[in-house]
């Protein structure tokens, strides 16, 4: 959750600094998922739109939590490549987890994105990765961390 919070904070800060609107892609994704799955979003009019507005951000939360859980499982299996490799995996995994479904559903096409679009998308995912990996590193026991050394306690002689 910490990584997902970092992603959201970075996105909201970008919106505040550049004065850009919130993305509608999460809500459009929910609409498309509803159409493709045949599972309607209950309600009509404003009530239905409010539900879609609530469900949209949950798709990103689900992707972030799932990626963090997968990384935790990989670590429990002994995979510890180091901070940079972990960060790259977390960034790419989060990008695929969020943009993949939107691309498959035809909500967006990353091949048409400008460099500015890519930066606006990658930077929050990098923030996600840095914090997710830092939290996972913090949860490791000292002997599990790459390059970690055992610390010996020395008592003062009298």
N, C-alpha and C. Protein backbone atom coordinates (compact mmCIF):
# COMPACT_ATOMS: atom_id res chain seq x y z
N UNK A 1 0.82 -1.20 0.00
CA UNK A 1 0.00 0.00 0.00
C UNK A 1 0.86 1.26 0.00
N UNK A 2 2.04 1.18 0.63
CA UNK A 2 2.90 2.37 0.69
C UNK A 2 3.29 2.82 -0.70
N UNK A 3 3.65 1.86 -1.56
CA UNK A 3 4.03 2.21 -2.93
C UNK A 3 2.88 2.83 -3.70
N UNK A 4 1.69 2.28 -3.52
CA UNK A 4 0.51 2.81 -4.20
C UNK A 4 0.21 4.23 -3.72
N UNK A 5 0.41 4.46 -2.43
CA UNK A 5 0.22 5.81 -1.90
C UNK A 5 1.23 6.77 -2.52
N UNK A 6 2.48 6.32 -2.68
CA UNK A 6 3.50 7.17 -3.32
C UNK A 6 3.11 7.48 -4.76
N UNK A 7 2.59 6.49 -5.48
CA UNK A 7 2.15 6.70 -6.86
C UNK A 7 1.03 7.73 -6.90
N UNK A 8 0.04 7.57 -6.03
CA UNK A 8 -1.08 8.52 -6.00
C UNK A 8 -0.61 9.93 -5.63
N UNK A 9 0.26 10.03 -4.64
CA UNK A 9 0.75 11.35 -4.23
C UNK A 9 1.50 12.02 -5.37
N UNK A 10 2.32 11.26 -6.08
CA UNK A 10 3.07 11.82 -7.20
C UNK A 10 2.14 12.28 -8.30
N UNK A 11 1.10 11.49 -8.58
CA UNK A 11 0.13 11.86 -9.61
C UNK A 11 -0.64 13.12 -9.22
N UNK A 12 -1.08 13.20 -7.97
CA UNK A 12 -1.83 14.37 -7.51
C UNK A 12 -0.95 15.61 -7.48
N UNK A 13 0.32 15.43 -7.10
CA UNK A 13 1.24 16.56 -7.12
C UNK A 13 1.44 17.07 -8.55
N UNK A 14 1.56 16.15 -9.50
CA UNK A 14 1.68 16.51 -10.91
C UNK A 14 0.44 17.30 -11.37
N UNK A 15 -0.74 16.84 -10.97
CA UNK A 15 -1.97 17.53 -11.33
C UNK A 15 -1.97 18.94 -10.75
N UNK A 16 -1.55 19.07 -9.49
CA UNK A 16 -1.53 20.38 -8.84
C UNK A 16 -0.51 21.32 -9.48
N UNK A 17 0.68 20.80 -9.77
CA UNK A 17 1.74 21.64 -10.34
C UNK A 17 1.45 22.07 -11.77
N UNK A 18 0.96 21.12 -12.58
CA UNK A 18 0.73 21.43 -14.00
C UNK A 18 -0.69 21.89 -14.28
N UNK A 19 -1.58 21.79 -13.30
CA UNK A 19 -2.96 22.19 -13.51
C UNK A 19 -3.70 21.27 -14.47
N UNK A 20 -3.28 20.01 -14.52
CA UNK A 20 -3.92 19.07 -15.44
C UNK A 20 -5.09 18.37 -14.75
N UNK A 21 -6.06 17.93 -15.53
CA UNK A 21 -7.20 17.23 -14.93
C UNK A 21 -6.84 15.79 -14.57
N UNK A 22 -7.68 15.20 -13.76
CA UNK A 22 -7.52 13.78 -13.45
C UNK A 22 -7.78 12.97 -14.71
N UNK A 23 -7.12 11.83 -14.79
CA UNK A 23 -7.32 10.94 -15.93
C UNK A 23 -8.67 10.26 -15.82
N UNK A 24 -9.34 10.10 -16.95
CA UNK A 24 -10.62 9.39 -16.97
C UNK A 24 -10.42 7.91 -17.31
N UNK A 25 -9.18 7.50 -17.59
CA UNK A 25 -8.95 6.12 -18.03
C UNK A 25 -9.37 5.06 -17.00
N UNK A 26 -9.19 5.29 -15.69
CA UNK A 26 -9.66 4.25 -14.76
C UNK A 26 -11.18 4.02 -14.85
N UNK A 27 -11.94 5.11 -14.99
CA UNK A 27 -13.39 4.96 -15.08
C UNK A 27 -13.80 4.31 -16.41
N UNK A 28 -13.13 4.69 -17.48
CA UNK A 28 -13.42 4.08 -18.78
C UNK A 28 -13.08 2.59 -18.73
N UNK A 29 -12.00 2.24 -18.02
CA UNK A 29 -11.62 0.84 -17.87
C UNK A 29 -12.72 0.06 -17.16
N UNK A 30 -13.27 0.63 -16.09
CA UNK A 30 -14.37 -0.03 -15.37
C UNK A 30 -15.56 -0.24 -16.30
N UNK A 31 -15.88 0.79 -17.09
CA UNK A 31 -17.00 0.68 -18.05
C UNK A 31 -16.75 -0.46 -19.03
N UNK A 32 -15.54 -0.52 -19.59
CA UNK A 32 -15.19 -1.56 -20.57
C UNK A 32 -15.20 -2.94 -19.93
N UNK A 33 -14.67 -3.04 -18.72
CA UNK A 33 -14.70 -4.32 -18.02
C UNK A 33 -16.13 -4.78 -17.79
N UNK A 34 -16.98 -3.84 -17.44
CA UNK A 34 -18.39 -4.15 -17.22
C UNK A 34 -19.02 -4.67 -18.51
N UNK A 35 -18.76 -3.98 -19.63
CA UNK A 35 -19.31 -4.39 -20.92
C UNK A 35 -18.80 -5.76 -21.33
N UNK A 36 -17.48 -5.97 -21.24
CA UNK A 36 -16.87 -7.22 -21.69
C UNK A 36 -17.25 -8.41 -20.83
N UNK A 37 -17.38 -8.18 -19.53
CA UNK A 37 -17.69 -9.29 -18.62
C UNK A 37 -19.18 -9.57 -18.52
N UNK A 38 -19.99 -8.62 -18.93
CA UNK A 38 -21.43 -8.78 -18.79
C UNK A 38 -21.91 -8.55 -17.37
N UNK A 39 -21.04 -8.03 -16.51
CA UNK A 39 -21.41 -7.72 -15.13
C UNK A 39 -21.68 -6.22 -15.05
N UNK A 40 -22.96 -5.84 -14.94
CA UNK A 40 -23.28 -4.42 -14.93
C UNK A 40 -22.89 -3.74 -13.63
N UNK A 41 -22.55 -2.47 -13.73
CA UNK A 41 -22.35 -1.64 -12.54
C UNK A 41 -23.76 -1.22 -12.12
N UNK A 42 -24.17 -1.57 -10.89
CA UNK A 42 -25.55 -1.31 -10.49
C UNK A 42 -25.89 0.18 -10.43
N UNK A 43 -27.15 0.45 -10.57
CA UNK A 43 -27.66 1.81 -10.45
C UNK A 43 -27.84 2.46 -11.81
N UNK A 44 -28.31 3.68 -11.77
CA UNK A 44 -28.48 4.44 -13.00
C UNK A 44 -28.13 5.90 -12.72
N UNK A 45 -27.88 6.62 -13.79
CA UNK A 45 -27.59 8.05 -13.68
C UNK A 45 -26.41 8.35 -12.80
N UNK A 46 -26.61 9.32 -11.91
CA UNK A 46 -25.54 9.80 -11.05
C UNK A 46 -25.04 8.72 -10.09
N UNK A 47 -25.95 7.87 -9.61
CA UNK A 47 -25.55 6.81 -8.68
C UNK A 47 -24.57 5.86 -9.36
N UNK A 48 -24.87 5.46 -10.59
CA UNK A 48 -24.00 4.56 -11.34
C UNK A 48 -22.66 5.25 -11.62
N UNK A 49 -22.67 6.50 -12.02
CA UNK A 49 -21.44 7.23 -12.30
C UNK A 49 -20.58 7.36 -11.05
N UNK A 50 -21.22 7.57 -9.91
CA UNK A 50 -20.47 7.66 -8.66
C UNK A 50 -19.81 6.32 -8.32
N UNK A 51 -20.51 5.23 -8.59
CA UNK A 51 -19.92 3.91 -8.35
C UNK A 51 -18.72 3.69 -9.27
N UNK A 52 -18.87 4.06 -10.52
CA UNK A 52 -17.76 3.92 -11.47
C UNK A 52 -16.58 4.78 -11.03
N UNK A 53 -16.87 6.00 -10.56
CA UNK A 53 -15.81 6.89 -10.07
C UNK A 53 -15.09 6.30 -8.87
N UNK A 54 -15.80 5.54 -8.05
CA UNK A 54 -15.19 4.86 -6.91
C UNK A 54 -14.43 3.61 -7.30
N UNK A 55 -14.95 2.89 -8.28
CA UNK A 55 -14.30 1.65 -8.72
C UNK A 55 -13.04 1.91 -9.54
N UNK A 56 -13.01 3.00 -10.28
CA UNK A 56 -11.85 3.31 -11.14
C UNK A 56 -10.53 3.31 -10.38
N UNK A 57 -10.42 4.11 -9.33
CA UNK A 57 -9.15 4.12 -8.58
C UNK A 57 -8.83 2.77 -7.91
N UNK A 58 -9.86 2.00 -7.61
CA UNK A 58 -9.61 0.69 -7.00
C UNK A 58 -8.86 -0.25 -7.94
N UNK A 59 -9.00 -0.03 -9.27
CA UNK A 59 -8.24 -0.88 -10.21
C UNK A 59 -6.75 -0.63 -10.04
N UNK A 60 -6.36 0.62 -9.85
CA UNK A 60 -4.95 0.94 -9.62
C UNK A 60 -4.46 0.42 -8.27
N UNK A 61 -5.29 0.54 -7.25
CA UNK A 61 -4.92 0.01 -5.94
C UNK A 61 -4.72 -1.50 -6.01
N UNK A 62 -5.61 -2.17 -6.71
CA UNK A 62 -5.50 -3.63 -6.86
C UNK A 62 -4.21 -4.00 -7.58
N UNK A 63 -3.87 -3.27 -8.63
CA UNK A 63 -2.63 -3.55 -9.37
C UNK A 63 -1.42 -3.33 -8.47
N UNK A 64 -1.40 -2.24 -7.71
CA UNK A 64 -0.27 -1.95 -6.84
C UNK A 64 -0.10 -2.95 -5.72
N UNK A 65 -1.19 -3.31 -5.08
CA UNK A 65 -1.12 -4.28 -3.99
C UNK A 65 -0.72 -5.65 -4.53
N UNK A 66 -1.26 -6.02 -5.68
CA UNK A 66 -0.92 -7.31 -6.28
C UNK A 66 0.57 -7.37 -6.63
N UNK A 67 1.09 -6.30 -7.22
CA UNK A 67 2.52 -6.28 -7.57
C UNK A 67 3.38 -6.37 -6.32
N UNK A 68 3.02 -5.63 -5.28
CA UNK A 68 3.76 -5.69 -4.02
C UNK A 68 3.72 -7.09 -3.41
N UNK A 69 2.55 -7.73 -3.48
CA UNK A 69 2.42 -9.10 -2.95
C UNK A 69 3.28 -10.07 -3.75
N UNK A 70 3.28 -9.93 -5.07
CA UNK A 70 4.11 -10.81 -5.91
C UNK A 70 5.60 -10.63 -5.61
N UNK A 71 6.00 -9.38 -5.39
CA UNK A 71 7.40 -9.14 -5.04
C UNK A 71 7.74 -9.73 -3.67
N UNK A 72 6.79 -9.63 -2.74
CA UNK A 72 6.99 -10.24 -1.43
C UNK A 72 7.11 -11.75 -1.52
N UNK A 73 6.28 -12.37 -2.36
CA UNK A 73 6.36 -13.81 -2.56
C UNK A 73 7.70 -14.21 -3.19
N UNK A 74 8.15 -13.42 -4.17
CA UNK A 74 9.44 -13.71 -4.80
C UNK A 74 10.57 -13.62 -3.77
N UNK A 75 10.50 -12.64 -2.89
CA UNK A 75 11.52 -12.52 -1.84
C UNK A 75 11.46 -13.69 -0.87
N UNK A 76 10.24 -14.13 -0.55
CA UNK A 76 10.14 -15.25 0.38
C UNK A 76 10.70 -16.53 -0.24
N UNK A 77 10.75 -16.56 -1.58
CA UNK A 77 11.34 -17.71 -2.28
C UNK A 77 12.85 -17.54 -2.45
N UNK A 78 13.40 -16.40 -1.96
CA UNK A 78 14.83 -16.20 -2.00
C UNK A 78 15.33 -15.25 -3.08
N UNK A 79 14.46 -14.65 -3.84
CA UNK A 79 14.88 -13.74 -4.92
C UNK A 79 15.18 -12.37 -4.34
N UNK A 80 16.43 -11.97 -4.39
CA UNK A 80 16.87 -10.67 -3.88
C UNK A 80 17.97 -10.13 -4.78
N UNK A 81 17.59 -9.57 -5.92
CA UNK A 81 18.61 -9.13 -6.88
C UNK A 81 19.27 -7.80 -6.54
N UNK A 82 18.77 -7.08 -5.58
CA UNK A 82 19.32 -5.77 -5.25
C UNK A 82 18.32 -4.67 -5.57
N UNK A 83 18.58 -3.49 -5.03
CA UNK A 83 17.61 -2.40 -5.10
C UNK A 83 17.28 -1.98 -6.53
N UNK A 84 18.28 -1.82 -7.39
CA UNK A 84 18.02 -1.35 -8.76
C UNK A 84 17.21 -2.36 -9.57
N UNK A 85 17.59 -3.63 -9.50
CA UNK A 85 16.84 -4.65 -10.24
C UNK A 85 15.43 -4.80 -9.68
N UNK A 86 15.32 -4.79 -8.35
CA UNK A 86 13.99 -4.84 -7.72
C UNK A 86 13.15 -3.66 -8.17
N UNK A 87 13.76 -2.48 -8.18
CA UNK A 87 13.04 -1.27 -8.59
C UNK A 87 12.58 -1.34 -10.04
N UNK A 88 13.44 -1.87 -10.91
CA UNK A 88 13.06 -2.01 -12.33
C UNK A 88 11.90 -2.98 -12.47
N UNK A 89 11.95 -4.10 -11.75
CA UNK A 89 10.87 -5.08 -11.82
C UNK A 89 9.58 -4.48 -11.29
N UNK A 90 9.66 -3.75 -10.17
CA UNK A 90 8.46 -3.14 -9.60
C UNK A 90 7.87 -2.09 -10.54
N UNK A 91 8.74 -1.28 -11.15
CA UNK A 91 8.26 -0.25 -12.07
C UNK A 91 7.58 -0.89 -13.28
N UNK A 92 8.26 -1.82 -13.91
CA UNK A 92 7.70 -2.47 -15.11
C UNK A 92 6.44 -3.25 -14.76
N UNK A 93 6.47 -3.94 -13.64
CA UNK A 93 5.28 -4.70 -13.22
C UNK A 93 4.09 -3.79 -12.96
N UNK A 94 4.33 -2.65 -12.32
CA UNK A 94 3.23 -1.72 -12.05
C UNK A 94 2.72 -1.08 -13.34
N UNK A 95 3.64 -0.76 -14.25
CA UNK A 95 3.22 -0.21 -15.54
C UNK A 95 2.35 -1.21 -16.31
N UNK A 96 2.78 -2.46 -16.32
CA UNK A 96 2.01 -3.49 -17.02
C UNK A 96 0.69 -3.75 -16.31
N UNK A 97 0.74 -3.79 -14.98
CA UNK A 97 -0.47 -4.05 -14.20
C UNK A 97 -1.54 -2.98 -14.36
N UNK A 98 -1.12 -1.74 -14.57
CA UNK A 98 -2.10 -0.67 -14.73
C UNK A 98 -2.42 -0.40 -16.19
N UNK A 99 -1.41 -0.31 -17.03
CA UNK A 99 -1.64 0.03 -18.43
C UNK A 99 -2.03 -1.17 -19.29
N UNK A 100 -1.62 -2.36 -18.88
CA UNK A 100 -1.93 -3.56 -19.66
C UNK A 100 -3.43 -3.75 -19.89
N UNK A 101 -4.22 -3.80 -18.81
CA UNK A 101 -5.66 -3.97 -19.00
C UNK A 101 -6.29 -2.84 -19.82
N UNK A 102 -5.82 -1.62 -19.60
CA UNK A 102 -6.39 -0.49 -20.36
C UNK A 102 -6.04 -0.60 -21.84
N UNK A 103 -4.87 -1.11 -22.14
CA UNK A 103 -4.46 -1.30 -23.53
C UNK A 103 -5.27 -2.41 -24.18
N UNK A 104 -5.38 -3.54 -23.48
CA UNK A 104 -6.14 -4.68 -24.01
C UNK A 104 -7.60 -4.30 -24.24
N UNK A 105 -8.16 -3.49 -23.36
CA UNK A 105 -9.56 -3.09 -23.48
C UNK A 105 -9.77 -1.94 -24.47
N UNK A 106 -8.68 -1.42 -25.04
CA UNK A 106 -8.80 -0.35 -26.02
C UNK A 106 -9.04 1.02 -25.41
N UNK A 107 -8.75 1.17 -24.13
CA UNK A 107 -8.94 2.46 -23.45
C UNK A 107 -7.80 3.41 -23.82
N UNK A 108 -6.61 2.86 -24.00
CA UNK A 108 -5.44 3.66 -24.35
C UNK A 108 -4.53 2.84 -25.25
N UNK A 109 -3.62 3.51 -25.92
CA UNK A 109 -2.64 2.85 -26.78
C UNK A 109 -1.29 3.52 -26.54
N UNK A 110 -0.44 2.91 -25.70
CA UNK A 110 0.86 3.53 -25.39
C UNK A 110 1.72 3.83 -26.62
N UNK A 111 1.47 3.17 -27.72
CA UNK A 111 2.24 3.45 -28.94
C UNK A 111 1.97 4.85 -29.47
N UNK A 112 0.86 5.45 -29.06
CA UNK A 112 0.51 6.79 -29.53
C UNK A 112 0.89 7.88 -28.53
N UNK A 113 1.45 7.50 -27.38
CA UNK A 113 1.78 8.47 -26.35
C UNK A 113 2.98 9.32 -26.76
N UNK A 114 2.94 10.57 -26.35
CA UNK A 114 4.07 11.47 -26.56
C UNK A 114 5.10 11.23 -25.44
N UNK A 115 6.27 11.82 -25.59
CA UNK A 115 7.28 11.71 -24.54
C UNK A 115 6.75 12.28 -23.22
N UNK A 116 6.01 13.38 -23.30
CA UNK A 116 5.43 14.00 -22.10
C UNK A 116 4.44 13.03 -21.43
N UNK A 117 3.65 12.33 -22.24
CA UNK A 117 2.71 11.34 -21.70
C UNK A 117 3.46 10.23 -20.96
N UNK A 118 4.55 9.76 -21.58
CA UNK A 118 5.33 8.68 -20.97
C UNK A 118 5.94 9.14 -19.64
N UNK A 119 6.48 10.34 -19.62
CA UNK A 119 7.07 10.85 -18.38
C UNK A 119 6.01 10.95 -17.30
N UNK A 120 4.84 11.48 -17.66
CA UNK A 120 3.75 11.63 -16.69
C UNK A 120 3.28 10.28 -16.16
N UNK A 121 3.45 9.22 -16.93
CA UNK A 121 3.04 7.89 -16.49
C UNK A 121 4.16 7.16 -15.75
N UNK A 122 5.39 7.29 -16.23
CA UNK A 122 6.50 6.54 -15.64
C UNK A 122 6.92 7.10 -14.29
N UNK A 123 6.95 8.42 -14.12
CA UNK A 123 7.44 9.00 -12.87
C UNK A 123 6.64 8.51 -11.66
N UNK A 124 5.31 8.51 -11.68
CA UNK A 124 4.59 7.98 -10.52
C UNK A 124 4.85 6.48 -10.29
N UNK A 125 5.05 5.73 -11.37
CA UNK A 125 5.35 4.31 -11.22
C UNK A 125 6.75 4.10 -10.64
N UNK A 126 7.68 4.99 -10.95
CA UNK A 126 9.00 4.94 -10.32
C UNK A 126 8.88 5.23 -8.82
N UNK A 127 8.06 6.20 -8.45
CA UNK A 127 7.84 6.50 -7.03
C UNK A 127 7.25 5.28 -6.34
N UNK A 128 6.32 4.61 -7.01
CA UNK A 128 5.74 3.37 -6.48
C UNK A 128 6.85 2.35 -6.21
N UNK A 129 7.72 2.16 -7.21
CA UNK A 129 8.76 1.14 -7.11
C UNK A 129 9.75 1.45 -5.98
N UNK A 130 10.19 2.70 -5.90
CA UNK A 130 11.17 3.07 -4.87
C UNK A 130 10.61 2.79 -3.49
N UNK A 131 9.39 3.21 -3.23
CA UNK A 131 8.83 3.00 -1.89
C UNK A 131 8.50 1.54 -1.63
N UNK A 132 7.98 0.84 -2.63
CA UNK A 132 7.66 -0.58 -2.45
C UNK A 132 8.92 -1.37 -2.13
N UNK A 133 9.98 -1.15 -2.87
CA UNK A 133 11.23 -1.88 -2.63
C UNK A 133 11.83 -1.48 -1.29
N UNK A 134 11.75 -0.21 -0.93
CA UNK A 134 12.28 0.22 0.37
C UNK A 134 11.53 -0.46 1.51
N UNK A 135 10.21 -0.56 1.39
CA UNK A 135 9.43 -1.24 2.43
C UNK A 135 9.79 -2.72 2.49
N UNK A 136 9.89 -3.36 1.33
CA UNK A 136 10.26 -4.78 1.32
C UNK A 136 11.66 -4.98 1.89
N UNK A 137 12.59 -4.09 1.57
CA UNK A 137 13.93 -4.18 2.15
C UNK A 137 13.87 -4.03 3.66
N UNK A 138 13.03 -3.12 4.14
CA UNK A 138 12.89 -2.90 5.57
C UNK A 138 12.29 -4.09 6.30
N UNK A 139 11.51 -4.89 5.59
CA UNK A 139 10.90 -6.06 6.20
C UNK A 139 11.84 -7.26 6.25
N UNK A 140 12.89 -7.24 5.44
CA UNK A 140 13.87 -8.33 5.44
C UNK A 140 14.64 -8.32 6.74
N UNK A 141 15.02 -9.51 7.18
CA UNK A 141 15.93 -9.61 8.31
C UNK A 141 17.32 -9.22 7.80
N UNK A 142 18.17 -8.67 8.66
CA UNK A 142 19.48 -8.19 8.19
C UNK A 142 20.25 -9.20 7.34
N UNK A 143 20.26 -10.45 7.67
CA UNK A 143 21.00 -11.45 6.91
C UNK A 143 20.42 -11.72 5.53
N UNK A 144 19.19 -11.27 5.27
CA UNK A 144 18.54 -11.51 3.99
C UNK A 144 18.82 -10.40 2.99
N UNK A 145 19.23 -9.25 3.47
CA UNK A 145 19.43 -8.12 2.57
C UNK A 145 20.68 -8.32 1.74
N UNK A 146 20.62 -7.97 0.45
CA UNK A 146 21.82 -8.10 -0.37
C UNK A 146 22.95 -7.24 0.20
N UNK A 147 24.08 -7.85 0.40
CA UNK A 147 25.24 -7.11 0.88
C UNK A 147 25.20 -6.79 2.37
N UNK A 148 24.19 -7.31 3.08
CA UNK A 148 24.08 -6.99 4.50
C UNK A 148 25.15 -7.74 5.29
N UNK A 149 25.64 -7.12 6.32
CA UNK A 149 26.63 -7.75 7.18
C UNK A 149 26.02 -7.96 8.55
N UNK A 150 26.44 -9.03 9.18
CA UNK A 150 25.99 -9.25 10.55
C UNK A 150 26.73 -8.29 11.45
N UNK A 151 25.99 -7.65 12.30
CA UNK A 151 26.60 -6.74 13.26
C UNK A 151 26.86 -7.49 14.55
N UNK A 152 28.02 -7.30 15.11
CA UNK A 152 28.34 -7.95 16.37
C UNK A 152 28.24 -6.91 17.48
N UNK A 153 27.63 -7.31 18.54
CA UNK A 153 27.54 -6.43 19.70
C UNK A 153 28.82 -6.62 20.54
N UNK A 154 29.43 -5.54 20.86
CA UNK A 154 30.62 -5.60 21.70
C UNK A 154 30.30 -4.87 23.01
N UNK A 155 30.64 -5.49 24.04
CA UNK A 155 30.42 -4.86 25.35
C UNK A 155 31.70 -4.17 25.76
N UNK A 156 31.54 -3.11 26.44
CA UNK A 156 32.72 -2.34 26.91
C UNK A 156 33.40 -3.12 28.03
N UNK A 157 34.72 -3.13 27.97
CA UNK A 157 35.48 -3.79 29.04
C UNK A 157 35.72 -2.79 30.16
N UNK A 158 35.67 -3.32 31.35
CA UNK A 158 35.91 -2.46 32.51
C UNK A 158 37.19 -2.78 33.15
